PDB file of all heavy atoms in Angstrom:
ATOM      1  N   LEU A   1       0.827  -1.209   0.000  1.00  0.00           N
ATOM      2  CA  LEU A   1       0.000   0.000   0.000  1.00  0.00           C
ATOM      3  C   LEU A   1       0.861   1.259   0.000  1.00  0.00           C
ATOM      4  O   LEU A   1       0.503   2.260  -0.628  1.00  0.00           O
ATOM      5  CB  LEU A   1      -0.974  -0.026   1.168  1.00  0.00           C
ATOM      6  CG  LEU A   1      -2.045  -1.127   1.072  1.00  0.00           C
ATOM      7  CD1 LEU A   1      -2.878  -1.195   2.336  1.00  0.00           C
ATOM      8  CD2 LEU A   1      -2.921  -0.956  -0.155  1.00  0.00           C
ATOM      9  N   ILE A   2       2.015   1.217   0.664  1.00  0.00           N
ATOM     10  CA  ILE A   2       2.948   2.344   0.599  1.00  0.00           C
ATOM     11  C   ILE A   2       3.420   2.527  -0.838  1.00  0.00           C
ATOM     12  O   ILE A   2       3.439   3.649  -1.358  1.00  0.00           O
ATOM     13  CB  ILE A   2       4.152   2.130   1.544  1.00  0.00           C
ATOM     14  CG1 ILE A   2       3.714   2.250   3.001  1.00  0.00           C
ATOM     15  CG2 ILE A   2       5.273   3.133   1.228  1.00  0.00           C
ATOM     16  CD1 ILE A   2       4.766   1.787   4.005  1.00  0.00           C
ATOM     17  N   LEU A   3       3.792   1.443  -1.493  1.00  0.00           N
ATOM     18  CA  LEU A   3       4.252   1.525  -2.884  1.00  0.00           C
ATOM     19  C   LEU A   3       3.179   2.088  -3.811  1.00  0.00           C
ATOM     20  O   LEU A   3       3.465   2.888  -4.698  1.00  0.00           O
ATOM     21  CB  LEU A   3       4.681   0.146  -3.397  1.00  0.00           C
ATOM     22  CG  LEU A   3       6.031  -0.347  -2.935  1.00  0.00           C
ATOM     23  CD1 LEU A   3       6.192  -1.835  -3.244  1.00  0.00           C
ATOM     24  CD2 LEU A   3       7.147   0.455  -3.581  1.00  0.00           C
ATOM     25  N   MET A   4       1.944   1.674  -3.608  1.00  0.00           N
ATOM     26  CA  MET A   4       0.872   2.091  -4.500  1.00  0.00           C
ATOM     27  C   MET A   4       0.341   3.490  -4.199  1.00  0.00           C
ATOM     28  O   MET A   4      -0.099   4.195  -5.099  1.00  0.00           O
ATOM     29  CB  MET A   4      -0.295   1.098  -4.450  1.00  0.00           C
ATOM     30  CG  MET A   4       0.023  -0.288  -4.970  1.00  0.00           C
ATOM     31  SD  MET A   4       0.595  -0.298  -6.679  1.00  0.00           S
ATOM     32  CE  MET A   4       2.356  -0.533  -6.467  1.00  0.00           C
ATOM     33  N   ASN A   5       0.382   3.889  -2.932  1.00  0.00           N
ATOM     34  CA  ASN A   5      -0.307   5.120  -2.549  1.00  0.00           C
ATOM     35  C   ASN A   5       0.528   6.142  -1.788  1.00  0.00           C
ATOM     36  O   ASN A   5       0.051   7.255  -1.584  1.00  0.00           O
ATOM     37  CB  ASN A   5      -1.522   4.770  -1.675  1.00  0.00           C
ATOM     38  CG  ASN A   5      -2.479   3.840  -2.374  1.00  0.00           C
ATOM     39  OD1 ASN A   5      -2.799   4.019  -3.526  1.00  0.00           O
ATOM     40  ND2 ASN A   5      -2.916   2.809  -1.668  1.00  0.00           N
ATOM     41  N   GLY A   6       1.728   5.773  -1.344  1.00  0.00           N
ATOM     42  CA  GLY A   6       2.441   6.691  -0.473  1.00  0.00           C
ATOM     43  C   GLY A   6       3.883   6.953  -0.828  1.00  0.00           C
ATOM     44  O   GLY A   6       4.633   7.466  -0.007  1.00  0.00           O
ATOM     45  N   ALA A   7       4.287   6.625  -2.035  1.00  0.00           N
ATOM     46  CA  ALA A   7       5.704   6.749  -2.385  1.00  0.00           C
ATOM     47  C   ALA A   7       5.998   7.954  -3.272  1.00  0.00           C
ATOM     48  O   ALA A   7       7.108   8.093  -3.781  1.00  0.00           O
ATOM     49  CB  ALA A   7       6.177   5.463  -3.065  1.00  0.00           C
ATOM     50  N   GLU A   8       5.034   8.848  -3.446  1.00  0.00           N
ATOM     51  CA  GLU A   8       5.248  10.024  -4.292  1.00  0.00           C
ATOM     52  C   GLU A   8       6.406  10.849  -3.758  1.00  0.00           C
ATOM     53  O   GLU A   8       6.488  11.140  -2.568  1.00  0.00           O
ATOM     54  CB  GLU A   8       3.982  10.880  -4.340  1.00  0.00           C
ATOM     55  CG  GLU A   8       4.103  12.047  -5.289  1.00  0.00           C
ATOM     56  CD  GLU A   8       2.834  12.878  -5.327  1.00  0.00           C
ATOM     57  OE1 GLU A   8       1.739  12.290  -5.313  1.00  0.00           O
ATOM     58  OE2 GLU A   8       2.962  14.101  -5.373  1.00  0.00           O
ATOM     59  N   GLY A   9       7.321  11.205  -4.648  1.00  0.00           N
ATOM     60  CA  GLY A   9       8.495  11.977  -4.261  1.00  0.00           C
ATOM     61  C   GLY A   9       9.695  11.105  -3.949  1.00  0.00           C
ATOM     62  O   GLY A   9      10.778  11.610  -3.690  1.00  0.00           O
ATOM     63  N   SER A  10       9.518   9.794  -3.993  1.00  0.00           N
ATOM     64  CA  SER A  10      10.636   8.873  -3.752  1.00  0.00           C
ATOM     65  C   SER A  10      10.999   8.171  -5.052  1.00  0.00           C
ATOM     66  O   SER A  10      10.316   8.309  -6.061  1.00  0.00           O
ATOM     67  CB  SER A  10      10.243   7.827  -2.702  1.00  0.00           C
ATOM     68  OG  SER A  10       9.417   6.821  -3.278  1.00  0.00           O
ATOM     69  N   ARG A  11      12.044   7.385  -4.993  1.00  0.00           N
ATOM     70  CA  ARG A  11      12.427   6.623  -6.190  1.00  0.00           C
ATOM     71  C   ARG A  11      11.422   5.512  -6.509  1.00  0.00           C
ATOM     72  O   ARG A  11      11.482   4.907  -7.566  1.00  0.00           O
ATOM     73  CB  ARG A  11      13.839   6.067  -6.058  1.00  0.00           C
ATOM     74  CG  ARG A  11      13.999   4.945  -5.076  1.00  0.00           C
ATOM     75  CD  ARG A  11      15.478   4.575  -4.953  1.00  0.00           C
ATOM     76  NE  ARG A  11      15.668   3.351  -4.234  1.00  0.00           N
ATOM     77  CZ  ARG A  11      16.027   2.201  -4.792  1.00  0.00           C
ATOM     78  NH1 ARG A  11      16.272   2.139  -6.069  1.00  0.00           N
ATOM     79  NH2 ARG A  11      16.175   1.124  -4.060  1.00  0.00           N
ATOM     80  N   TYR A  12      10.477   5.277  -5.613  1.00  0.00           N
ATOM     81  CA  TYR A  12       9.443   4.260  -5.824  1.00  0.00           C
ATOM     82  C   TYR A  12       8.136   4.846  -6.336  1.00  0.00           C
ATOM     83  O   TYR A  12       7.151   4.131  -6.464  1.00  0.00           O
ATOM     84  CB  TYR A  12       9.177   3.500  -4.517  1.00  0.00           C
ATOM     85  CG  TYR A  12      10.361   2.707  -4.060  1.00  0.00           C
ATOM     86  CD1 TYR A  12      11.213   3.200  -3.081  1.00  0.00           C
ATOM     87  CD2 TYR A  12      10.659   1.476  -4.627  1.00  0.00           C
ATOM     88  CE1 TYR A  12      12.324   2.478  -2.668  1.00  0.00           C
ATOM     89  CE2 TYR A  12      11.758   0.749  -4.223  1.00  0.00           C
ATOM     90  CZ  TYR A  12      12.590   1.256  -3.240  1.00  0.00           C
ATOM     91  OH  TYR A  12      13.693   0.539  -2.835  1.00  0.00           O
ATOM     92  N   GLU A  13       8.109   6.143  -6.640  1.00  0.00           N
ATOM     93  CA  GLU A  13       6.854   6.759  -7.051  1.00  0.00           C
ATOM     94  C   GLU A  13       6.301   6.164  -8.343  1.00  0.00           C
ATOM     95  O   GLU A  13       5.125   6.290  -8.622  1.00  0.00           O
ATOM     96  CB  GLU A  13       6.983   8.276  -7.151  1.00  0.00           C
ATOM     97  CG  GLU A  13       7.825   8.780  -8.282  1.00  0.00           C
ATOM     98  CD  GLU A  13       7.943  10.307  -8.251  1.00  0.00           C
ATOM     99  OE1 GLU A  13       7.224  10.965  -7.480  1.00  0.00           O
ATOM    100  OE2 GLU A  13       8.768  10.822  -8.999  1.00  0.00           O
ATOM    101  N   ASN A  14       7.129   5.482  -9.110  1.00  0.00           N
ATOM    102  CA  ASN A  14       6.676   4.841 -10.348  1.00  0.00           C
ATOM    103  C   ASN A  14       6.518   3.324 -10.195  1.00  0.00           C
ATOM    104  O   ASN A  14       6.559   2.597 -11.181  1.00  0.00           O
ATOM    105  CB  ASN A  14       7.650   5.155 -11.485  1.00  0.00           C
ATOM    106  CG  ASN A  14       7.653   6.631 -11.810  1.00  0.00           C
ATOM    107  OD1 ASN A  14       6.608   7.276 -11.846  1.00  0.00           O
ATOM    108  ND2 ASN A  14       8.834   7.191 -12.018  1.00  0.00           N
ATOM    109  N   ALA A  15       6.321   2.867  -8.972  1.00  0.00           N
ATOM    110  CA  ALA A  15       6.204   1.426  -8.726  1.00  0.00           C
ATOM    111  C   ALA A  15       5.065   0.805  -9.522  1.00  0.00           C
ATOM    112  O   ALA A  15       5.211  -0.277 -10.091  1.00  0.00           O
ATOM    113  CB  ALA A  15       6.018   1.155  -7.237  1.00  0.00           C
ATOM    114  N   ARG A  16       3.941   1.485  -9.579  1.00  0.00           N
ATOM    115  CA  ARG A  16       2.793   0.956 -10.326  1.00  0.00           C
ATOM    116  C   ARG A  16       3.174   0.754 -11.801  1.00  0.00           C
ATOM    117  O   ARG A  16       2.842  -0.266 -12.402  1.00  0.00           O
ATOM    118  CB  ARG A  16       1.597   1.886 -10.189  1.00  0.00           C
ATOM    119  CG  ARG A  16       0.294   1.305 -10.706  1.00  0.00           C
ATOM    120  CD  ARG A  16      -0.878   2.250 -10.521  1.00  0.00           C
ATOM    121  NE  ARG A  16      -1.270   2.380  -9.139  1.00  0.00           N
ATOM    122  CZ  ARG A  16      -2.410   1.925  -8.636  1.00  0.00           C
ATOM    123  NH1 ARG A  16      -3.289   1.363  -9.407  1.00  0.00           N
ATOM    124  NH2 ARG A  16      -2.699   2.063  -7.354  1.00  0.00           N
ATOM    125  N   GLN A  17       3.877   1.714 -12.378  1.00  0.00           N
ATOM    126  CA  GLN A  17       4.299   1.609 -13.778  1.00  0.00           C
ATOM    127  C   GLN A  17       5.321   0.481 -13.955  1.00  0.00           C
ATOM    128  O   GLN A  17       5.297  -0.227 -14.963  1.00  0.00           O
ATOM    129  CB  GLN A  17       4.884   2.943 -14.281  1.00  0.00           C
ATOM    130  CG  GLN A  17       3.858   4.043 -14.403  1.00  0.00           C
ATOM    131  CD  GLN A  17       3.610   4.791 -13.094  1.00  0.00           C
ATOM    132  OE1 GLN A  17       4.066   4.417 -12.021  1.00  0.00           O
ATOM    133  NE2 GLN A  17       2.844   5.870 -13.177  1.00  0.00           N
ATOM    134  N   GLN A  18       6.205   0.302 -12.979  1.00  0.00           N
ATOM    135  CA  GLN A  18       7.183  -0.780 -13.064  1.00  0.00           C
ATOM    136  C   GLN A  18       6.493  -2.143 -13.000  1.00  0.00           C
ATOM    137  O   GLN A  18       6.836  -3.061 -13.753  1.00  0.00           O
ATOM    138  CB  GLN A  18       8.212  -0.657 -11.944  1.00  0.00           C
ATOM    139  CG  GLN A  18       9.132   0.527 -12.112  1.00  0.00           C
ATOM    140  CD  GLN A  18      10.027   0.719 -10.903  1.00  0.00           C
ATOM    141  OE1 GLN A  18       9.696   0.337  -9.778  1.00  0.00           O
ATOM    142  NE2 GLN A  18      11.178   1.326 -11.133  1.00  0.00           N
ATOM    143  N   ILE A  19       5.531  -2.268 -12.123  1.00  0.00           N
ATOM    144  CA  ILE A  19       4.786  -3.526 -12.015  1.00  0.00           C
ATOM    145  C   ILE A  19       4.004  -3.766 -13.305  1.00  0.00           C
ATOM    146  O   ILE A  19       3.955  -4.889 -13.811  1.00  0.00           O
ATOM    147  CB  ILE A  19       3.864  -3.501 -10.780  1.00  0.00           C
ATOM    148  CG1 ILE A  19       4.716  -3.471  -9.503  1.00  0.00           C
ATOM    149  CG2 ILE A  19       2.915  -4.692 -10.779  1.00  0.00           C
ATOM    150  CD1 ILE A  19       3.940  -3.147  -8.249  1.00  0.00           C
ATOM    151  N   THR A  20       3.429  -2.720 -13.860  1.00  0.00           N
ATOM    152  CA  THR A  20       2.712  -2.841 -15.134  1.00  0.00           C
ATOM    153  C   THR A  20       3.650  -3.311 -16.236  1.00  0.00           C
ATOM    154  O   THR A  20       3.272  -4.152 -17.056  1.00  0.00           O
ATOM    155  CB  THR A  20       2.051  -1.500 -15.514  1.00  0.00           C
ATOM    156  OG1 THR A  20       1.144  -1.122 -14.470  1.00  0.00           O
ATOM    157  CG2 THR A  20       1.271  -1.613 -16.819  1.00  0.00           C
ATOM    158  N   ALA A  21       4.864  -2.800 -16.252  1.00  0.00           N
ATOM    159  CA  ALA A  21       5.844  -3.231 -17.261  1.00  0.00           C
ATOM    160  C   ALA A  21       6.163  -4.715 -17.111  1.00  0.00           C
ATOM    161  O   ALA A  21       6.274  -5.435 -18.111  1.00  0.00           O
ATOM    162  CB  ALA A  21       7.114  -2.393 -17.163  1.00  0.00           C
ATOM    163  N   PHE A  22       6.296  -5.201 -15.866  1.00  0.00           N
ATOM    164  CA  PHE A  22       6.526  -6.634 -15.635  1.00  0.00           C
ATOM    165  C   PHE A  22       5.372  -7.455 -16.200  1.00  0.00           C
ATOM    166  O   PHE A  22       5.567  -8.460 -16.875  1.00  0.00           O
ATOM    167  CB  PHE A  22       6.650  -6.959 -14.138  1.00  0.00           C
ATOM    168  CG  PHE A  22       7.875  -6.464 -13.450  1.00  0.00           C
ATOM    169  CD1 PHE A  22       7.809  -6.125 -12.104  1.00  0.00           C
ATOM    170  CD2 PHE A  22       9.090  -6.333 -14.091  1.00  0.00           C
ATOM    171  CE1 PHE A  22       8.928  -5.674 -11.421  1.00  0.00           C
ATOM    172  CE2 PHE A  22      10.217  -5.878 -13.426  1.00  0.00           C
ATOM    173  CZ  PHE A  22      10.135  -5.550 -12.085  1.00  0.00           C
ATOM    174  N   VAL A  23       4.144  -7.026 -15.905  1.00  0.00           N
ATOM    175  CA  VAL A  23       2.971  -7.772 -16.361  1.00  0.00           C
ATOM    176  C   VAL A  23       2.847  -7.687 -17.884  1.00  0.00           C
ATOM    177  O   VAL A  23       2.520  -8.688 -18.538  1.00  0.00           O
ATOM    178  CB  VAL A  23       1.687  -7.277 -15.656  1.00  0.00           C
ATOM    179  CG1 VAL A  23       0.447  -7.919 -16.251  1.00  0.00           C
ATOM    180  CG2 VAL A  23       1.771  -7.550 -14.162  1.00  0.00           C
ATOM    181  N   THR A  24       3.116  -6.537 -18.463  1.00  0.00           N
ATOM    182  CA  THR A  24       3.051  -6.384 -19.922  1.00  0.00           C
ATOM    183  C   THR A  24       4.008  -7.358 -20.602  1.00  0.00           C
ATOM    184  O   THR A  24       3.659  -7.989 -21.609  1.00  0.00           O
ATOM    185  CB  THR A  24       3.375  -4.932 -20.333  1.00  0.00           C
ATOM    186  OG1 THR A  24       2.397  -4.067 -19.757  1.00  0.00           O
ATOM    187  CG2 THR A  24       3.354  -4.775 -21.842  1.00  0.00           C
ATOM    188  N   GLU A  25       5.184  -7.513 -20.039  1.00  0.00           N
ATOM    189  CA  GLU A  25       6.159  -8.453 -20.594  1.00  0.00           C
ATOM    190  C   GLU A  25       5.606  -9.872 -20.593  1.00  0.00           C
ATOM    191  O   GLU A  25       5.716 -10.598 -21.580  1.00  0.00           O
ATOM    192  CB  GLU A  25       7.445  -8.387 -19.764  1.00  0.00           C
ATOM    193  CG  GLU A  25       8.560  -9.246 -20.285  1.00  0.00           C
ATOM    194  CD  GLU A  25       9.801  -9.106 -19.411  1.00  0.00           C
ATOM    195  OE1 GLU A  25      10.259  -7.957 -19.216  1.00  0.00           O
ATOM    196  OE2 GLU A  25      10.292 -10.141 -18.930  1.00  0.00           O
ATOM    197  N   ARG A  26       4.964 -10.261 -19.496  1.00  0.00           N
ATOM    198  CA  ARG A  26       4.366 -11.608 -19.424  1.00  0.00           C
ATOM    199  C   ARG A  26       3.226 -11.763 -20.428  1.00  0.00           C
ATOM    200  O   ARG A  26       3.087 -12.792 -21.085  1.00  0.00           O
ATOM    201  CB  ARG A  26       3.842 -11.894 -18.014  1.00  0.00           C
ATOM    202  CG  ARG A  26       4.889 -12.109 -16.955  1.00  0.00           C
ATOM    203  CD  ARG A  26       5.684 -13.401 -17.126  1.00  0.00           C
ATOM    204  NE  ARG A  26       4.899 -14.589 -17.211  1.00  0.00           N
ATOM    205  CZ  ARG A  26       4.455 -15.305 -16.178  1.00  0.00           C
ATOM    206  NH1 ARG A  26       4.729 -14.937 -14.946  1.00  0.00           N
ATOM    207  NH2 ARG A  26       3.740 -16.393 -16.361  1.00  0.00           N
ATOM    208  N   VAL A  27       2.388 -10.720 -20.552  1.00  0.00           N
ATOM    209  CA  VAL A  27       1.275 -10.768 -21.508  1.00  0.00           C
ATOM    210  C   VAL A  27       1.816 -10.924 -22.919  1.00  0.00           C
ATOM    211  O   VAL A  27       1.314 -11.743 -23.702  1.00  0.00           O
ATOM    212  CB  VAL A  27       0.380  -9.505 -21.377  1.00  0.00           C
ATOM    213  CG1 VAL A  27      -0.582  -9.378 -22.546  1.00  0.00           C
ATOM    214  CG2 VAL A  27      -0.384  -9.525 -20.058  1.00  0.00           C
ATOM    215  N   GLU A  28       2.852 -10.170 -23.262  1.00  0.00           N
ATOM    216  CA  GLU A  28       3.447 -10.262 -24.602  1.00  0.00           C
ATOM    217  C   GLU A  28       4.038 -11.637 -24.867  1.00  0.00           C
ATOM    218  O   GLU A  28       3.907 -12.174 -25.967  1.00  0.00           O
ATOM    219  CB  GLU A  28       4.528  -9.192 -24.772  1.00  0.00           C
ATOM    220  CG  GLU A  28       3.988  -7.801 -24.866  1.00  0.00           C
ATOM    221  CD  GLU A  28       5.064  -6.727 -24.848  1.00  0.00           C
ATOM    222  OE1 GLU A  28       6.207  -6.997 -24.410  1.00  0.00           O
ATOM    223  OE2 GLU A  28       4.747  -5.605 -25.267  1.00  0.00           O
ATOM    224  N   GLU A  29       4.654 -12.233 -23.850  1.00  0.00           N
ATOM    225  CA  GLU A  29       5.288 -13.544 -24.008  1.00  0.00           C
ATOM    226  C   GLU A  29       4.284 -14.685 -24.058  1.00  0.00           C
ATOM    227  O   GLU A  29       4.470 -15.635 -24.820  1.00  0.00           O
ATOM    228  CB  GLU A  29       6.242 -13.824 -22.842  1.00  0.00           C
ATOM    229  CG  GLU A  29       7.486 -12.995 -22.837  1.00  0.00           C
ATOM    230  CD  GLU A  29       8.315 -13.229 -21.569  1.00  0.00           C
ATOM    231  OE1 GLU A  29       7.959 -14.115 -20.751  1.00  0.00           O
ATOM    232  OE2 GLU A  29       9.307 -12.513 -21.405  1.00  0.00           O
ATOM    233  N   GLU A  30       3.249 -14.614 -23.236  1.00  0.00           N
ATOM    234  CA  GLU A  30       2.405 -15.786 -23.052  1.00  0.00           C
ATOM    235  C   GLU A  30       0.985 -15.671 -23.588  1.00  0.00           C
ATOM    236  O   GLU A  30       0.404 -16.681 -23.945  1.00  0.00           O
ATOM    237  CB  GLU A  30       2.369 -16.155 -21.570  1.00  0.00           C
ATOM    238  CG  GLU A  30       3.757 -16.549 -21.084  1.00  0.00           C
ATOM    239  CD  GLU A  30       3.725 -17.293 -19.784  1.00  0.00           C
ATOM    240  OE1 GLU A  30       2.769 -18.041 -19.543  1.00  0.00           O
ATOM    241  OE2 GLU A  30       4.670 -17.115 -19.015  1.00  0.00           O
ATOM    242  N   MET A  31       0.433 -14.475 -23.614  1.00  0.00           N
ATOM    243  CA  MET A  31      -0.949 -14.350 -24.071  1.00  0.00           C
ATOM    244  C   MET A  31      -1.036 -13.985 -25.546  1.00  0.00           C
ATOM    245  O   MET A  31      -1.813 -14.580 -26.286  1.00  0.00           O
ATOM    246  CB  MET A  31      -1.698 -13.317 -23.226  1.00  0.00           C
ATOM    247  CG  MET A  31      -1.921 -13.758 -21.794  1.00  0.00           C
ATOM    248  SD  MET A  31      -2.700 -12.485 -20.783  1.00  0.00           S
ATOM    249  CE  MET A  31      -4.397 -12.640 -21.306  1.00  0.00           C
ATOM    250  N   LEU A  32      -0.250 -12.998 -25.960  1.00  0.00           N
ATOM    251  CA  LEU A  32      -0.370 -12.527 -27.343  1.00  0.00           C
ATOM    252  C   LEU A  32      -0.102 -13.609 -28.384  1.00  0.00           C
ATOM    253  O   LEU A  32      -0.818 -13.671 -29.386  1.00  0.00           O
ATOM    254  CB  LEU A  32       0.543 -11.316 -27.584  1.00  0.00           C
ATOM    255  CG  LEU A  32       0.165 -10.019 -26.870  1.00  0.00           C
ATOM    256  CD1 LEU A  32       1.020  -8.868 -27.389  1.00  0.00           C
ATOM    257  CD2 LEU A  32      -1.303  -9.685 -26.974  1.00  0.00           C
ATOM    258  N   PRO A  33       0.901 -14.466 -28.198  1.00  0.00           N
ATOM    259  CA  PRO A  33       1.133 -15.499 -29.219  1.00  0.00           C
ATOM    260  C   PRO A  33      -0.046 -16.449 -29.437  1.00  0.00           C
ATOM    261  O   PRO A  33      -0.150 -17.075 -30.486  1.00  0.00           O
ATOM    262  CB  PRO A  33       2.346 -16.265 -28.681  1.00  0.00           C
ATOM    263  CG  PRO A  33       3.054 -15.284 -27.816  1.00  0.00           C
ATOM    264  CD  PRO A  33       1.951 -14.466 -27.181  1.00  0.00           C
ATOM    265  N   LYS A  34      -0.955 -16.526 -28.482  1.00  0.00           N
ATOM    266  CA  LYS A  34      -2.111 -17.414 -28.592  1.00  0.00           C
ATOM    267  C   LYS A  34      -3.292 -16.744 -29.288  1.00  0.00           C
ATOM    268  O   LYS A  34      -4.300 -17.378 -29.545  1.00  0.00           O
ATOM    269  CB  LYS A  34      -2.527 -17.900 -27.207  1.00  0.00           C
ATOM    270  CG  LYS A  34      -1.442 -18.737 -26.547  1.00  0.00           C
ATOM    271  CD  LYS A  34      -1.785 -19.079 -25.135  1.00  0.00           C
ATOM    272  CE  LYS A  34      -0.626 -19.856 -24.520  1.00  0.00           C
ATOM    273  NZ  LYS A  34      -0.805 -20.085 -23.110  1.00  0.00           N
ATOM    274  N   LEU A  35      -3.146 -15.456 -29.574  1.00  0.00           N
ATOM    275  CA  LEU A  35      -4.208 -14.698 -30.225  1.00  0.00           C
ATOM    276  C   LEU A  35      -3.997 -14.673 -31.735  1.00  0.00           C
ATOM    277  O   LEU A  35      -2.885 -14.884 -32.217  1.00  0.00           O
ATOM    278  CB  LEU A  35      -4.229 -13.267 -29.683  1.00  0.00           C
ATOM    279  CG  LEU A  35      -4.538 -13.106 -28.194  1.00  0.00           C
ATOM    280  CD1 LEU A  35      -4.373 -11.650 -27.779  1.00  0.00           C
ATOM    281  CD2 LEU A  35      -5.934 -13.604 -27.876  1.00  0.00           C
ATOM    282  N   PRO A  36      -5.047 -14.369 -32.485  1.00  0.00           N
ATOM    283  CA  PRO A  36      -4.876 -14.206 -33.939  1.00  0.00           C
ATOM    284  C   PRO A  36      -3.844 -13.105 -34.220  1.00  0.00           C
ATOM    285  O   PRO A  36      -3.706 -12.142 -33.452  1.00  0.00           O
ATOM    286  CB  PRO A  36      -6.273 -13.775 -34.415  1.00  0.00           C
ATOM    287  CG  PRO A  36      -7.211 -14.264 -33.349  1.00  0.00           C
ATOM    288  CD  PRO A  36      -6.441 -14.215 -32.062  1.00  0.00           C
ATOM    289  N   ALA A  37      -3.125 -13.239 -35.316  1.00  0.00           N
ATOM    290  CA  ALA A  37      -2.015 -12.336 -35.650  1.00  0.00           C
ATOM    291  C   ALA A  37      -2.393 -10.858 -35.574  1.00  0.00           C
ATOM    292  O   ALA A  37      -1.611 -10.040 -35.101  1.00  0.00           O
ATOM    293  CB  ALA A  37      -1.470 -12.673 -37.033  1.00  0.00           C
ATOM    294  N   GLY A  38      -3.577 -10.498 -35.988  1.00  0.00           N
ATOM    295  CA  GLY A  38      -3.991  -9.109 -35.983  1.00  0.00           C
ATOM    296  C   GLY A  38      -4.216  -8.520 -34.602  1.00  0.00           C
ATOM    297  O   GLY A  38      -4.386  -7.313 -34.457  1.00  0.00           O
ATOM    298  N   MET A  39      -4.196  -9.358 -33.566  1.00  0.00           N
ATOM    299  CA  MET A  39      -4.451  -8.890 -32.195  1.00  0.00           C
ATOM    300  C   MET A  39      -3.182  -8.841 -31.353  1.00  0.00           C
ATOM    301  O   MET A  39      -3.254  -8.614 -30.154  1.00  0.00           O
ATOM    302  CB  MET A  39      -5.458  -9.816 -31.506  1.00  0.00           C
ATOM    303  CG  MET A  39      -6.834  -9.805 -32.124  1.00  0.00           C
ATOM    304  SD  MET A  39      -7.936 -10.995 -31.322  1.00  0.00           S
ATOM    305  CE  MET A  39      -8.127 -10.286 -29.703  1.00  0.00           C
ATOM    306  N   ARG A  40      -2.030  -9.009 -31.946  1.00  0.00           N
ATOM    307  CA  ARG A  40      -0.797  -9.182 -31.175  1.00  0.00           C
ATOM    308  C   ARG A  40       0.003  -7.909 -30.956  1.00  0.00           C
ATOM    309  O   ARG A  40       1.205  -7.953 -30.829  1.00  0.00           O
ATOM    310  CB  ARG A  40       0.084 -10.221 -31.863  1.00  0.00           C
ATOM    311  CG  ARG A  40      -0.526 -11.583 -31.867  1.00  0.00           C
ATOM    312  CD  ARG A  40       0.389 -12.596 -32.465  1.00  0.00           C
ATOM    313  NE  ARG A  40      -0.326 -13.845 -32.650  1.00  0.00           N
ATOM    314  CZ  ARG A  40       0.083 -14.826 -33.408  1.00  0.00           C
ATOM    315  NH1 ARG A  40       1.217 -14.699 -34.076  1.00  0.00           N
ATOM    316  NH2 ARG A  40      -0.629 -15.915 -33.510  1.00  0.00           N
ATOM    317  N   GLY A  41      -0.645  -6.791 -30.849  1.00  0.00           N
ATOM    318  CA  GLY A  41       0.071  -5.530 -30.700  1.00  0.00           C
ATOM    319  C   GLY A  41       0.440  -5.196 -29.268  1.00  0.00           C
ATOM    320  O   GLY A  41      -0.189  -5.654 -28.310  1.00  0.00           O
TER     321      GLY A  41
END
């Protein structure tokens, strides 16, 4: 909760974006290849 709501002004203020980047990488690796080619962006 500190990372998500109380880290503004610290080096962790972008924690939500960093976690999103981790998840995006997994989605690109594991979910997108299973979709039709036109949906893999």
